[in-house]
Amino acid sequence: MTATPSVIQVRVNDKPVECPQGHSLTALLKTLDMPLQATAVALNDDIVTRSEWDSTQLKTGDRIALFQAIAGG
């Protein structure tokens, strides 16, 4: 029998989202089809720099706010 990966629940822009335990911010953004180059991320009210996305693992109850750059005048 193969073990089923644990699933955790986080909140993304105030909406519940389930993801595998140990998911990184980068993996979450890819799962959500977010453009990596035009997105800023806050985790539990703290901005996370892009260089930290791969090493930042999500935990149950984390609050993620995603911001997208919008071009225009």
Protein backbone atom coordinates (compact mmCIF):
# COMPACT_ATOMS: atom_id res chain seq x y z
CA MET A 1 0.00 0.00 0.00
CA THR A 2 1.33 3.48 -0.82
CA ALA A 3 1.05 6.27 1.72
CA THR A 4 -1.23 9.16 0.87
CA PRO A 5 0.52 12.50 1.26
CA SER A 6 -0.85 14.66 4.04
CA VAL A 7 -2.97 17.57 2.91
CA ILE A 8 -3.01 20.91 4.69
CA GLN A 9 -5.31 23.88 4.37
CA VAL A 10 -4.07 27.43 3.88
CA ARG A 11 -5.89 30.63 2.98
CA VAL A 12 -5.02 32.38 -0.28
CA ASN A 13 -6.51 35.86 -0.55
CA ASP A 14 -9.00 34.83 2.17
CA LYS A 15 -10.13 31.67 0.34
CA PRO A 16 -9.39 28.16 1.67
CA VAL A 17 -6.96 26.15 -0.47
CA GLU A 18 -5.75 22.60 0.11
CA CYS A 19 -2.22 21.59 -0.80
CA PRO A 20 0.20 18.79 0.07
CA GLN A 21 2.11 19.12 3.31
CA GLY A 22 5.58 20.52 2.64
CA HIS A 23 4.43 22.50 -0.44
CA SER A 24 6.61 25.55 -1.07
CA LEU A 25 5.33 28.99 -2.06
CA THR A 26 6.71 28.39 -5.56
CA ALA A 27 4.81 25.09 -5.86
CA LEU A 28 1.60 26.77 -4.64
CA LEU A 29 1.91 29.58 -7.17
CA LYS A 30 2.48 27.06 -9.98
CA THR A 31 -0.53 25.04 -8.82
CA LEU A 32 -2.65 28.21 -8.90
CA ASP A 33 -1.30 29.14 -12.37
CA MET A 34 0.03 32.45 -11.08
CA PRO A 35 2.61 34.26 -13.24
CA LEU A 36 5.79 34.02 -11.18
CA GLN A 37 7.42 37.14 -12.62
CA ALA A 38 4.49 39.49 -11.94
CA THR A 39 3.47 38.32 -8.46
CA ALA A 40 4.32 39.53 -4.96
CA VAL A 41 3.60 37.36 -1.92
CA ALA A 42 2.86 38.05 1.73
CA LEU A 43 2.82 35.12 4.16
CA ASN A 44 1.07 35.77 7.46
CA ASP A 45 1.33 39.54 6.81
CA ASP A 46 5.08 39.46 6.00
CA ILE A 47 6.39 40.02 2.47
CA VAL A 48 8.40 37.03 1.22
CA THR A 49 11.12 37.83 -1.30
CA ARG A 50 11.16 35.80 -4.50
CA SER A 51 14.53 34.28 -3.53
CA GLU A 52 12.83 32.71 -0.47
CA TRP A 53 9.82 31.18 -2.25
CA ASP A 54 11.44 27.79 -2.93
CA SER A 55 12.61 27.36 0.66
CA THR A 56 9.40 28.61 2.33
CA GLN A 57 7.27 25.60 3.20
CA LEU A 58 3.61 26.14 3.93
CA LYS A 59 1.99 25.10 7.20
CA THR A 60 -1.65 24.52 8.13
CA GLY A 61 -3.42 27.82 8.70
CA ASP A 62 -0.92 29.99 6.82
CA ARG A 63 -2.43 33.12 5.29
CA ILE A 64 -1.08 33.97 1.84
CA ALA A 65 -1.85 37.24 0.08
CA LEU A 66 -1.01 37.39 -3.62
CA PHE A 67 -0.56 40.64 -5.50
CA GLN A 68 -0.18 40.92 -9.27
CA ALA A 69 1.50 43.80 -11.06
CA ILE A 70 -0.86 45.42 -13.53
CA ALA A 71 0.46 47.44 -16.45
CA GLY A 72 -1.32 50.54 -17.51
CA GLY A 73 -1.54 54.21 -16.90
